[in-house]
Amino acid sequence: MVYNIAVCIITYLICGFSPSIEICKLKTGEDIRNLGSGNAGTTNSIRVLGKFMGFVVFILDILKVLVAYGVVLGVGKLFNQDTEATMYSLFMVSAVLGHCYPIYYGFRRG
C-alpha cells in the first residue's frame, strides 16, 4: 500500500514539471501559455522559442517520464516490490495527471 502511494506521488511530482514553461521563463521572462497558441506543448514551443528549443522541450518531456519510471522502479526495489500491473496503471494515471494538472503551475498546464 505504501509503495502504491509512493508511486503515485513521485510520478505526479516529476511529471508535473513543464520544460516548456521553465525554458520560456528563462529565455523570454514570460509564460509560454500567454504566447503563441497559449499551449505549453512542443508545437507552441517551436513557434515561440524556435526549432532547437522546441526539440529540447520535446526531449525533456520524454526524459521526465523515463526518470519518473526509473525512480519508481528504484523505490520498488527499496520496498522489495515486484513490478505488477497495478504499479504500471498507477504510474500511467499519475503521469498523465501530473502532466495535465501540475501543482507547480496552479493545476493549469495549457
PDB file of N, CA and C in Angstrom:
ATOM      1  N   MET A   1       0.814  -1.188   0.000  1.00  0.00           N
ATOM      2  CA  MET A   1       0.000   0.000   0.000  1.00  0.00           C
ATOM      3  C   MET A   1       0.863   1.260   0.000  1.00  0.00           C
ATOM      4  N   VAL A   2       1.874   1.300   0.851  1.00  0.00           N
ATOM      5  CA  VAL A   2       2.768   2.457   0.909  1.00  0.00           C
ATOM      6  C   VAL A   2       3.485   2.619  -0.430  1.00  0.00           C
ATOM      7  N   TYR A   3       3.847   1.505  -1.025  1.00  0.00           N
ATOM      8  CA  TYR A   3       4.530   1.544  -2.316  1.00  0.00           C
ATOM      9  C   TYR A   3       3.640   2.165  -3.382  1.00  0.00           C
ATOM     10  N   ASN A   4       2.366   1.794  -3.420  1.00  0.00           N
ATOM     11  CA  ASN A   4       1.451   2.341  -4.419  1.00  0.00           C
ATOM     12  C   ASN A   4       1.257   3.843  -4.237  1.00  0.00           C
ATOM     13  N   ILE A   5       1.168   4.287  -3.000  1.00  0.00           N
ATOM     14  CA  ILE A   5       1.045   5.722  -2.729  1.00  0.00           C
ATOM     15  C   ILE A   5       2.317   6.443  -3.147  1.00  0.00           C
ATOM     16  N   ALA A   6       3.471   5.852  -2.852  1.00  0.00           N
ATOM     17  CA  ALA A   6       4.745   6.451  -3.245  1.00  0.00           C
ATOM     18  C   ALA A   6       4.858   6.552  -4.763  1.00  0.00           C
ATOM     19  N   VAL A   7       4.415   5.524  -5.477  1.00  0.00           N
ATOM     20  CA  VAL A   7       4.428   5.550  -6.949  1.00  0.00           C
ATOM     21  C   VAL A   7       3.617   6.729  -7.462  1.00  0.00           C
ATOM     22  N   CYS A   8       2.425   6.907  -6.910  1.00  0.00           N
ATOM     23  CA  CYS A   8       1.544   7.998  -7.363  1.00  0.00           C
ATOM     24  C   CYS A   8       2.159   9.363  -7.092  1.00  0.00           C
ATOM     25  N   ILE A   9       2.647   9.577  -5.906  1.00  0.00           N
ATOM     26  CA  ILE A   9       3.187  10.883  -5.527  1.00  0.00           C
ATOM     27  C   ILE A   9       4.448  11.212  -6.310  1.00  0.00           C
ATOM     28  N   ILE A  10       5.380  10.274  -6.374  1.00  0.00           N
ATOM     29  CA  ILE A  10       6.642  10.512  -7.078  1.00  0.00           C
ATOM     30  C   ILE A  10       6.392  10.788  -8.555  1.00  0.00           C
ATOM     31  N   THR A  11       5.578   9.966  -9.172  1.00  0.00           N
ATOM     32  CA  THR A  11       5.300  10.137 -10.600  1.00  0.00           C
ATOM     33  C   THR A  11       4.603  11.459 -10.864  1.00  0.00           C
ATOM     34  N   TYR A  12       3.619  11.796 -10.049  1.00  0.00           N
ATOM     35  CA  TYR A  12       2.888  13.046 -10.226  1.00  0.00           C
ATOM     36  C   TYR A  12       3.833  14.240 -10.121  1.00  0.00           C
ATOM     37  N   LEU A  13       4.684  14.247  -9.108  1.00  0.00           N
ATOM     38  CA  LEU A  13       5.571  15.390  -8.901  1.00  0.00           C
ATOM     39  C   LEU A  13       6.620  15.530 -10.005  1.00  0.00           C
ATOM     40  N   ILE A  14       7.175  14.431 -10.459  1.00  0.00           N
ATOM     41  CA  ILE A  14       8.181  14.503 -11.520  1.00  0.00           C
ATOM     42  C   ILE A  14       7.537  14.897 -12.843  1.00  0.00           C
ATOM     43  N   CYS A  15       6.414  14.289 -13.174  1.00  0.00           N
ATOM     44  CA  CYS A  15       5.759  14.575 -14.461  1.00  0.00           C
ATOM     45  C   CYS A  15       5.042  15.916 -14.468  1.00  0.00           C
ATOM     46  N   GLY A  16       4.883  16.540 -13.304  1.00  0.00           N
ATOM     47  CA  GLY A  16       4.272  17.850 -13.234  1.00  0.00           C
ATOM     48  C   GLY A  16       5.188  18.979 -13.680  1.00  0.00           C
ATOM     49  N   PHE A  17       6.474  18.706 -13.754  1.00  0.00           N
ATOM     50  CA  PHE A  17       7.430  19.712 -14.208  1.00  0.00           C
ATOM     51  C   PHE A  17       7.238  19.955 -15.705  1.00  0.00           C
ATOM     52  N   SER A  18       7.169  21.215 -16.105  1.00  0.00           N
ATOM     53  CA  SER A  18       6.963  21.545 -17.515  1.00  0.00           C
ATOM     54  C   SER A  18       8.211  22.219 -18.090  1.00  0.00           C
ATOM     55  N   PRO A  19       8.946  21.503 -18.927  1.00  0.00           N
ATOM     56  CA  PRO A  19      10.136  22.106 -19.532  1.00  0.00           C
ATOM     57  C   PRO A  19       9.807  23.338 -20.371  1.00  0.00           C
ATOM     58  N   SER A  20       8.689  23.325 -21.070  1.00  0.00           N
ATOM     59  CA  SER A  20       8.368  24.457 -21.944  1.00  0.00           C
ATOM     60  C   SER A  20       8.120  25.725 -21.134  1.00  0.00           C
ATOM     61  N   ILE A  21       7.425  25.613 -20.028  1.00  0.00           N
ATOM     62  CA  ILE A  21       7.159  26.788 -19.196  1.00  0.00           C
ATOM     63  C   ILE A  21       8.453  27.315 -18.595  1.00  0.00           C
ATOM     64  N   GLU A  22       9.273  26.423 -18.069  1.00  0.00           N
ATOM     65  CA  GLU A  22      10.513  26.841 -17.412  1.00  0.00           C
ATOM     66  C   GLU A  22      11.523  27.417 -18.410  1.00  0.00           C
ATOM     67  N   ILE A  23      11.673  26.775 -19.556  1.00  0.00           N
ATOM     68  CA  ILE A  23      12.625  27.270 -20.561  1.00  0.00           C
ATOM     69  C   ILE A  23      12.177  28.622 -21.099  1.00  0.00           C
ATOM     70  N   CYS A  24      10.896  28.779 -21.342  1.00  0.00           N
ATOM     71  CA  CYS A  24      10.392  30.059 -21.848  1.00  0.00           C
ATOM     72  C   CYS A  24      10.582  31.163 -20.814  1.00  0.00           C
ATOM     73  N   LYS A  25      10.359  30.855 -19.532  1.00  0.00           N
ATOM     74  CA  LYS A  25      10.579  31.849 -18.483  1.00  0.00           C
ATOM     75  C   LYS A  25      12.046  32.257 -18.429  1.00  0.00           C
ATOM     76  N   LEU A  26      12.942  31.286 -18.580  1.00  0.00           N
ATOM     77  CA  LEU A  26      14.370  31.599 -18.569  1.00  0.00           C
ATOM     78  C   LEU A  26      14.800  32.405 -19.787  1.00  0.00           C
ATOM     79  N   LYS A  27      14.256  32.051 -20.938  1.00  0.00           N
ATOM     80  CA  LYS A  27      14.684  32.682 -22.188  1.00  0.00           C
ATOM     81  C   LYS A  27      14.022  34.035 -22.431  1.00  0.00           C
ATOM     82  N   THR A  28      12.715  34.142 -22.175  1.00  0.00           N
ATOM     83  CA  THR A  28      11.997  35.375 -22.502  1.00  0.00           C
ATOM     84  C   THR A  28      11.472  36.112 -21.277  1.00  0.00           C
ATOM     85  N   GLY A  29      11.415  35.442 -20.141  1.00  0.00           N
ATOM     86  CA  GLY A  29      10.854  36.055 -18.948  1.00  0.00           C
ATOM     87  C   GLY A  29       9.338  36.013 -18.908  1.00  0.00           C
ATOM     88  N   GLU A  30       8.711  35.367 -19.889  1.00  0.00           N
ATOM     89  CA  GLU A  30       7.254  35.302 -19.955  1.00  0.00           C
ATOM     90  C   GLU A  30       6.781  33.855 -19.852  1.00  0.00           C
ATOM     91  N   ASP A  31       5.504  33.722 -19.584  1.00  0.00           N
ATOM     92  CA  ASP A  31       4.868  32.412 -19.519  1.00  0.00           C
ATOM     93  C   ASP A  31       4.457  32.003 -20.931  1.00  0.00           C
ATOM     94  N   ILE A  32       4.886  30.835 -21.371  1.00  0.00           N
ATOM     95  CA  ILE A  32       4.590  30.389 -22.742  1.00  0.00           C
ATOM     96  C   ILE A  32       3.089  30.232 -22.966  1.00  0.00           C
ATOM     97  N   ARG A  33       2.328  30.049 -21.885  1.00  0.00           N
ATOM     98  CA  ARG A  33       0.880  29.911 -22.019  1.00  0.00           C
ATOM     99  C   ARG A  33       0.208  31.233 -22.385  1.00  0.00           C
ATOM    100  N   ASN A  34       0.966  32.316 -22.326  1.00  0.00           N
ATOM    101  CA  ASN A  34       0.461  33.631 -22.740  1.00  0.00           C
ATOM    102  C   ASN A  34       0.977  34.023 -24.119  1.00  0.00           C
ATOM    103  N   LEU A  35       1.739  33.159 -24.754  1.00  0.00           N
ATOM    104  CA  LEU A  35       2.337  33.448 -26.062  1.00  0.00           C
ATOM    105  C   LEU A  35       1.867  32.429 -27.094  1.00  0.00           C
ATOM    106  N   GLY A  36       1.945  32.774 -28.342  1.00  0.00           N
ATOM    107  CA  GLY A  36       1.586  31.848 -29.423  1.00  0.00           C
ATOM    108  C   GLY A  36       0.163  31.343 -29.289  1.00  0.00           C
ATOM    109  N   SER A  37       0.012  30.029 -29.311  1.00  0.00           N
ATOM    110  CA  SER A  37      -1.324  29.418 -29.224  1.00  0.00           C
ATOM    111  C   SER A  37      -1.847  29.348 -27.798  1.00  0.00           C
ATOM    112  N   GLY A  38      -0.987  29.630 -26.835  1.00  0.00           N
ATOM    113  CA  GLY A  38      -1.402  29.564 -25.437  1.00  0.00           C
ATOM    114  C   GLY A  38      -1.224  28.200 -24.817  1.00  0.00           C
ATOM    115  N   ASN A  39      -0.704  27.266 -25.576  1.00  0.00           N
ATOM    116  CA  ASN A  39      -0.478  25.914 -25.098  1.00  0.00           C
ATOM    117  C   ASN A  39       0.965  25.781 -24.644  1.00  0.00           C
ATOM    118  N   ALA A  40       1.194  24.923 -23.654  1.00  0.00           N
ATOM    119  CA  ALA A  40       2.543  24.715 -23.141  1.00  0.00           C
ATOM    120  C   ALA A  40       3.216  23.500 -23.784  1.00  0.00           C
ATOM    121  N   GLY A  41       2.773  23.117 -24.964  1.00  0.00           N
ATOM    122  CA  GLY A  41       3.312  21.930 -25.614  1.00  0.00           C
ATOM    123  C   GLY A  41       4.489  22.214 -26.524  1.00  0.00           C
ATOM    124  N   THR A  42       4.968  21.167 -27.132  1.00  0.00           N
ATOM    125  CA  THR A  42       6.136  21.245 -28.000  1.00  0.00           C
ATOM    126  C   THR A  42       5.876  22.114 -29.225  1.00  0.00           C
ATOM    127  N   THR A  43       4.713  21.989 -29.831  1.00  0.00           N
ATOM    128  CA  THR A  43       4.431  22.754 -31.040  1.00  0.00           C
ATOM    129  C   THR A  43       4.474  24.254 -30.772  1.00  0.00           C
ATOM    130  N   ASN A  44       3.877  24.677 -29.673  1.00  0.00           N
ATOM    131  CA  ASN A  44       3.931  26.100 -29.335  1.00  0.00           C
ATOM    132  C   ASN A  44       5.347  26.508 -28.938  1.00  0.00           C
ATOM    133  N   SER A  45       6.096  25.609 -28.339  1.00  0.00           N
ATOM    134  CA  SER A  45       7.496  25.906 -28.001  1.00  0.00           C
ATOM    135  C   SER A  45       8.305  26.146 -29.260  1.00  0.00           C
ATOM    136  N   ILE A  46       8.037  25.382 -30.303  1.00  0.00           N
ATOM    137  CA  ILE A  46       8.729  25.587 -31.577  1.00  0.00           C
ATOM    138  C   ILE A  46       8.370  26.957 -32.139  1.00  0.00           C
ATOM    139  N   ARG A  47       7.085  27.315 -32.076  1.00  0.00           N
ATOM    140  CA  ARG A  47       6.644  28.626 -32.577  1.00  0.00           C
ATOM    141  C   ARG A  47       7.297  29.773 -31.823  1.00  0.00           C
ATOM    142  N   VAL A  48       7.294  29.675 -30.501  1.00  0.00           N
ATOM    143  CA  VAL A  48       7.738  30.785 -29.659  1.00  0.00           C
ATOM    144  C   VAL A  48       9.253  30.809 -29.470  1.00  0.00           C
ATOM    145  N   LEU A  49       9.849  29.635 -29.259  1.00  0.00           N
ATOM    146  CA  LEU A  49      11.260  29.560 -28.899  1.00  0.00           C
ATOM    147  C   LEU A  49      12.183  29.151 -30.041  1.00  0.00           C
ATOM    148  N   GLY A  50      11.622  28.631 -31.115  1.00  0.00           N
ATOM    149  CA  GLY A  50      12.428  28.167 -32.229  1.00  0.00           C
ATOM    150  C   GLY A  50      12.536  26.653 -32.247  1.00  0.00           C
ATOM    151  N   LYS A  51      13.028  26.133 -33.379  1.00  0.00           N
ATOM    152  CA  LYS A  51      13.078  24.677 -33.573  1.00  0.00           C
ATOM    153  C   LYS A  51      13.982  23.977 -32.567  1.00  0.00           C
ATOM    154  N   PHE A  52      15.156  24.542 -32.322  1.00  0.00           N
ATOM    155  CA  PHE A  52      16.096  23.879 -31.422  1.00  0.00           C
ATOM    156  C   PHE A  52      15.521  23.760 -30.015  1.00  0.00           C
ATOM    157  N   MET A  53      15.011  24.875 -29.481  1.00  0.00           N
ATOM    158  CA  MET A  53      14.469  24.842 -28.124  1.00  0.00           C
ATOM    159  C   MET A  53      13.188  24.000 -28.066  1.00  0.00           C
ATOM    160  N   GLY A  54      12.411  23.978 -29.136  1.00  0.00           N
ATOM    161  CA  GLY A  54      11.247  23.105 -29.199  1.00  0.00           C
ATOM    162  C   GLY A  54      11.653  21.643 -29.121  1.00  0.00           C
ATOM    163  N   PHE A  55      12.768  21.308 -29.796  1.00  0.00           N
ATOM    164  CA  PHE A  55      13.289  19.942 -29.730  1.00  0.00           C
ATOM    165  C   PHE A  55      13.771  19.624 -28.314  1.00  0.00           C
ATOM    166  N   VAL A  56      14.409  20.587 -27.670  1.00  0.00           N
ATOM    167  CA  VAL A  56      14.865  20.397 -26.286  1.00  0.00           C
ATOM    168  C   VAL A  56      13.669  20.133 -25.371  1.00  0.00           C
ATOM    169  N   VAL A  57      12.600  20.898 -25.547  1.00  0.00           N
ATOM    170  CA  VAL A  57      11.377  20.692 -24.762  1.00  0.00           C
ATOM    171  C   VAL A  57      10.836  19.282 -24.989  1.00  0.00           C
ATOM    172  N   PHE A  58      10.800  18.852 -26.234  1.00  0.00           N
ATOM    173  CA  PHE A  58      10.314  17.516 -26.587  1.00  0.00           C
ATOM    174  C   PHE A  58      11.132  16.432 -25.882  1.00  0.00           C
ATOM    175  N   ILE A  59      12.446  16.552 -25.953  1.00  0.00           N
ATOM    176  CA  ILE A  59      13.337  15.561 -25.323  1.00  0.00           C
ATOM    177  C   ILE A  59      13.165  15.564 -23.803  1.00  0.00           C
ATOM    178  N   LEU A  60      13.091  16.759 -23.210  1.00  0.00           N
ATOM    179  CA  LEU A  60      12.931  16.833 -21.758  1.00  0.00           C
ATOM    180  C   LEU A  60      11.581  16.276 -21.301  1.00  0.00           C
ATOM    181  N   ASP A  61      10.542  16.456 -22.106  1.00  0.00           N
ATOM    182  CA  ASP A  61       9.236  15.866 -21.771  1.00  0.00           C
ATOM    183  C   ASP A  61       9.319  14.342 -21.749  1.00  0.00           C
ATOM    184  N   ILE A  62      10.050  13.775 -22.671  1.00  0.00           N
ATOM    185  CA  ILE A  62      10.225  12.321 -22.695  1.00  0.00           C
ATOM    186  C   ILE A  62      11.101  11.871 -21.527  1.00  0.00           C
ATOM    187  N   LEU A  63      12.180  12.605 -21.284  1.00  0.00           N
ATOM    188  CA  LEU A  63      13.107  12.227 -20.215  1.00  0.00           C
ATOM    189  C   LEU A  63      12.455  12.273 -18.838  1.00  0.00           C
ATOM    190  N   LYS A  64      11.551  13.224 -18.613  1.00  0.00           N
ATOM    191  CA  LYS A  64      10.940  13.300 -17.282  1.00  0.00           C
ATOM    192  C   LYS A  64      10.122  12.047 -16.983  1.00  0.00           C
ATOM    193  N   VAL A  65       9.481  11.486 -17.994  1.00  0.00           N
ATOM    194  CA  VAL A  65       8.720  10.253 -17.778  1.00  0.00           C
ATOM    195  C   VAL A  65       9.674   9.081 -17.531  1.00  0.00           C
ATOM    196  N   LEU A  66      10.771   9.037 -18.279  1.00  0.00           N
ATOM    197  CA  LEU A  66      11.750   7.964 -18.077  1.00  0.00           C
ATOM    198  C   LEU A  66      12.399   8.058 -16.698  1.00  0.00           C
ATOM    199  N   VAL A  67      12.687   9.277 -16.248  1.00  0.00           N
ATOM    200  CA  VAL A  67      13.258   9.469 -14.911  1.00  0.00           C
ATOM    201  C   VAL A  67      12.250   9.021 -13.855  1.00  0.00           C
ATOM    202  N   ALA A  68      11.002   9.419 -14.023  1.00  0.00           N
ATOM    203  CA  ALA A  68       9.965   9.016 -13.067  1.00  0.00           C
ATOM    204  C   ALA A  68       9.852   7.493 -13.013  1.00  0.00           C
ATOM    205  N   TYR A  69       9.894   6.866 -14.163  1.00  0.00           N
ATOM    206  CA  TYR A  69       9.803   5.401 -14.210  1.00  0.00           C
ATOM    207  C   TYR A  69      11.006   4.761 -13.502  1.00  0.00           C
ATOM    208  N   GLY A  70      12.180   5.300 -13.732  1.00  0.00           N
ATOM    209  CA  GLY A  70      13.377   4.783 -13.062  1.00  0.00           C
ATOM    210  C   GLY A  70      13.305   4.947 -11.553  1.00  0.00           C
ATOM    211  N   VAL A  71      12.815   6.082 -11.107  1.00  0.00           N
ATOM    212  CA  VAL A  71      12.676   6.318  -9.672  1.00  0.00           C
ATOM    213  C   VAL A  71      11.651   5.356  -9.075  1.00  0.00           C
ATOM    214  N   VAL A  72      10.549   5.154  -9.776  1.00  0.00           N
ATOM    215  CA  VAL A  72       9.515   4.234  -9.295  1.00  0.00           C
ATOM    216  C   VAL A  72      10.072   2.814  -9.186  1.00  0.00           C
ATOM    217  N   LEU A  73      10.839   2.391 -10.166  1.00  0.00           N
ATOM    218  CA  LEU A  73      11.446   1.054 -10.085  1.00  0.00           C
ATOM    219  C   LEU A  73      12.437   0.973  -8.927  1.00  0.00           C
ATOM    220  N   GLY A  74      13.190   2.065  -8.717  1.00  0.00           N
ATOM    221  CA  GLY A  74      14.122   2.106  -7.588  1.00  0.00           C
ATOM    222  C   GLY A  74      13.404   2.038  -6.250  1.00  0.00           C
ATOM    223  N   VAL A  75      12.307   2.754  -6.129  1.00  0.00           N
ATOM    224  CA  VAL A  75      11.510   2.711  -4.905  1.00  0.00           C
ATOM    225  C   VAL A  75      10.932   1.305  -4.723  1.00  0.00           C
ATOM    226  N   GLY A  76      10.557   0.671  -5.831  1.00  0.00           N
ATOM    227  CA  GLY A  76      10.046  -0.701  -5.761  1.00  0.00           C
ATOM    228  C   GLY A  76      11.082  -1.653  -5.203  1.00  0.00           C
ATOM    229  N   LYS A  77      12.327  -1.487  -5.601  1.00  0.00           N
ATOM    230  CA  LYS A  77      13.392  -2.339  -5.059  1.00  0.00           C
ATOM    231  C   LYS A  77      13.627  -2.039  -3.583  1.00  0.00           C
ATOM    232  N   LEU A  78      13.483  -0.756  -3.221  1.00  0.00           N
ATOM    233  CA  LEU A  78      13.647  -0.361  -1.827  1.00  0.00           C
ATOM    234  C   LEU A  78      12.593  -1.022  -0.946  1.00  0.00           C
ATOM    235  N   PHE A  79      11.358  -1.103  -1.435  1.00  0.00           N
ATOM    236  CA  PHE A  79      10.260  -1.724  -0.701  1.00  0.00           C
ATOM    237  C   PHE A  79      10.124  -3.213  -1.009  1.00  0.00           C
ATOM    238  N   ASN A  80      11.060  -3.758  -1.781  1.00  0.00           N
ATOM    239  CA  ASN A  80      11.016  -5.174  -2.167  1.00  0.00           C
ATOM    240  C   ASN A  80       9.720  -5.542  -2.868  1.00  0.00           C
ATOM    241  N   GLN A  81       9.290  -4.709  -3.789  1.00  0.00           N
ATOM    242  CA  GLN A  81       8.056  -4.942  -4.532  1.00  0.00           C
ATOM    243  C   GLN A  81       8.383  -5.388  -5.949  1.00  0.00           C
ATOM    244  N   ASP A  82       7.628  -6.346  -6.424  1.00  0.00           N
ATOM    245  CA  ASP A  82       7.729  -6.731  -7.825  1.00  0.00           C
ATOM    246  C   ASP A  82       6.885  -5.757  -8.639  1.00  0.00           C
ATOM    247  N   THR A  83       7.347  -5.472  -9.851  1.00  0.00           N
ATOM    248  CA  THR A  83       6.530  -4.622 -10.720  1.00  0.00           C
ATOM    249  C   THR A  83       5.334  -5.446 -11.170  1.00  0.00           C
ATOM    250  N   GLU A  84       4.173  -4.850 -11.065  1.00  0.00           N
ATOM    251  CA  GLU A  84       2.943  -5.557 -11.393  1.00  0.00           C
ATOM    252  C   GLU A  84       2.028  -4.620 -12.165  1.00  0.00           C
ATOM    253  N   ALA A  85       0.943  -5.149 -12.628  1.00  0.00           N
ATOM    254  CA  ALA A  85       0.002  -4.372 -13.438  1.00  0.00           C
ATOM    255  C   ALA A  85      -0.542  -3.171 -12.675  1.00  0.00           C
ATOM    256  N   THR A  86      -0.770  -3.317 -11.388  1.00  0.00           N
ATOM    257  CA  THR A  86      -1.285  -2.204 -10.585  1.00  0.00           C
ATOM    258  C   THR A  86      -0.297  -1.041 -10.588  1.00  0.00           C
ATOM    259  N   MET A  87       0.989  -1.352 -10.425  1.00  0.00           N
ATOM    260  CA  MET A  87       2.007  -0.309 -10.411  1.00  0.00           C
ATOM    261  C   MET A  87       2.052   0.413 -11.743  1.00  0.00           C
ATOM    262  N   TYR A  88       1.978  -0.325 -12.836  1.00  0.00           N
ATOM    263  CA  TYR A  88       2.005   0.296 -14.159  1.00  0.00           C
ATOM    264  C   TYR A  88       0.784   1.185 -14.373  1.00  0.00           C
ATOM    265  N   SER A  89      -0.360   0.735 -13.922  1.00  0.00           N
ATOM    266  CA  SER A  89      -1.585   1.530 -14.059  1.00  0.00           C
ATOM    267  C   SER A  89      -1.497   2.804 -13.237  1.00  0.00           C
ATOM    268  N   LEU A  90      -1.058   2.690 -11.997  1.00  0.00           N
ATOM    269  CA  LEU A  90      -0.903   3.867 -11.146  1.00  0.00           C
ATOM    270  C   LEU A  90       0.116   4.830 -11.725  1.00  0.00           C
ATOM    271  N   PHE A  91       1.205   4.280 -12.262  1.00  0.00           N
ATOM    272  CA  PHE A  91       2.245   5.105 -12.867  1.00  0.00           C
ATOM    273  C   PHE A  91       1.680   5.903 -14.043  1.00  0.00           C
ATOM    274  N   MET A  92       0.952   5.245 -14.925  1.00  0.00           N
ATOM    275  CA  MET A  92       0.410   5.916 -16.111  1.00  0.00           C
ATOM    276  C   MET A  92      -0.608   6.991 -15.743  1.00  0.00           C
ATOM    277  N   VAL A  93      -1.512   6.675 -14.827  1.00  0.00           N
ATOM    278  CA  VAL A  93      -2.526   7.647 -14.426  1.00  0.00           C
ATOM    279  C   VAL A  93      -1.859   8.847 -13.744  1.00  0.00           C
ATOM    280  N   SER A  94      -0.908   8.596 -12.860  1.00  0.00           N
ATOM    281  CA  SER A  94      -0.218   9.683 -12.161  1.00  0.00           C
ATOM    282  C   SER A  94       0.610  10.536 -13.113  1.00  0.00           C
ATOM    283  N   ALA A  95       1.218   9.913 -14.113  1.00  0.00           N
ATOM    284  CA  ALA A  95       1.990  10.669 -15.098  1.00  0.00           C
ATOM    285  C   ALA A  95       1.093  11.606 -15.901  1.00  0.00           C
ATOM    286  N   VAL A  96      -0.050  11.111 -16.315  1.00  0.00           N
ATOM    287  CA  VAL A  96      -0.990  11.943 -17.082  1.00  0.00           C
ATOM    288  C   VAL A  96      -1.535  13.070 -16.212  1.00  0.00           C
ATOM    289  N   LEU A  97      -1.923  12.764 -14.973  1.00  0.00           N
ATOM    290  CA  LEU A  97      -2.432  13.799 -14.076  1.00  0.00           C
ATOM    291  C   LEU A  97      -1.365  14.850 -13.782  1.00  0.00           C
ATOM    292  N   GLY A  98      -0.145  14.413 -13.558  1.00  0.00           N
ATOM    293  CA  GLY A  98       0.947  15.362 -13.308  1.00  0.00           C
ATOM    294  C   GLY A  98       1.210  16.236 -14.516  1.00  0.00           C
ATOM    295  N   HIS A  99       1.135  15.654 -15.693  1.00  0.00           N
ATOM    296  CA  HIS A  99       1.382  16.395 -16.925  1.00  0.00           C
ATOM    297  C   HIS A  99       0.261  17.399 -17.203  1.00  0.00           C
ATOM    298  N   CYS A 100      -0.976  17.006 -16.983  1.00  0.00           N
ATOM    299  CA  CYS A 100      -2.131  17.865 -17.311  1.00  0.00           C
ATOM    300  C   CYS A 100      -2.494  18.846 -16.196  1.00  0.00           C
ATOM    301  N   TYR A 101      -2.315  18.445 -14.948  1.00  0.00           N
ATOM    302  CA  TYR A 101      -2.729  19.267 -13.811  1.00  0.00           C
ATOM    303  C   TYR A 101      -1.609  19.379 -12.777  1.00  0.00           C
ATOM    304  N   PRO A 102      -0.509  20.035 -13.129  1.00  0.00           N
ATOM    305  CA  PRO A 102       0.622  20.097 -12.195  1.00  0.00           C
ATOM    306  C   PRO A 102       0.379  21.083 -11.045  1.00  0.00           C
ATOM    307  N   ILE A 103       0.762  20.680  -9.870  1.00  0.00           N
ATOM    308  CA  ILE A 103       0.625  21.527  -8.694  1.00  0.00           C
ATOM    309  C   ILE A 103       1.520  22.755  -8.809  1.00  0.00           C
ATOM    310  N   TYR A 104       2.651  22.635  -9.499  1.00  0.00           N
ATOM    311  CA  TYR A 104       3.618  23.726  -9.621  1.00  0.00           C
ATOM    312  C   TYR A 104       3.047  24.936 -10.372  1.00  0.00           C
ATOM    313  N   TYR A 105       2.081  24.734 -11.215  1.00  0.00           N
ATOM    314  CA  TYR A 105       1.559  25.797 -12.079  1.00  0.00           C
ATOM    315  C   TYR A 105       0.082  26.046 -11.812  1.00  0.00           C
ATOM    316  N   GLY A 106      -0.349  25.850 -10.581  1.00  0.00           N
ATOM    317  CA  GLY A 106      -1.731  26.100 -10.213  1.00  0.00           C
ATOM    318  C   GLY A 106      -2.726  25.159 -10.869  1.00  0.00           C
ATOM    319  N   PHE A 107      -2.293  23.924 -11.102  1.00  0.00           N
ATOM    320  CA  PHE A 107      -3.126  22.890 -11.727  1.00  0.00           C
ATOM    321  C   PHE A 107      -3.585  23.280 -13.135  1.00  0.00           C
ATOM    322  N   ARG A 108      -2.835  24.173 -13.783  1.00  0.00           N
ATOM    323  CA  ARG A 108      -3.173  24.626 -15.146  1.00  0.00           C
ATOM    324  C   ARG A 108      -1.951  24.436 -16.017  1.00  0.00           C
ATOM    325  N   ARG A 109      -2.060  23.648 -17.037  1.00  0.00           N
ATOM    326  CA  ARG A 109      -0.920  23.382 -17.911  1.00  0.00           C
ATOM    327  C   ARG A 109      -0.983  24.210 -19.183  1.00  0.00           C
ATOM    328  N   GLY A 110      -2.075  24.176 -19.865  1.00  0.00           N
ATOM    329  CA  GLY A 110      -2.130  24.933 -21.107  1.00  0.00           C
ATOM    330  C   GLY A 110      -3.039  24.289 -22.105  1.00  0.00           C
TER     331      GLY A 110
END
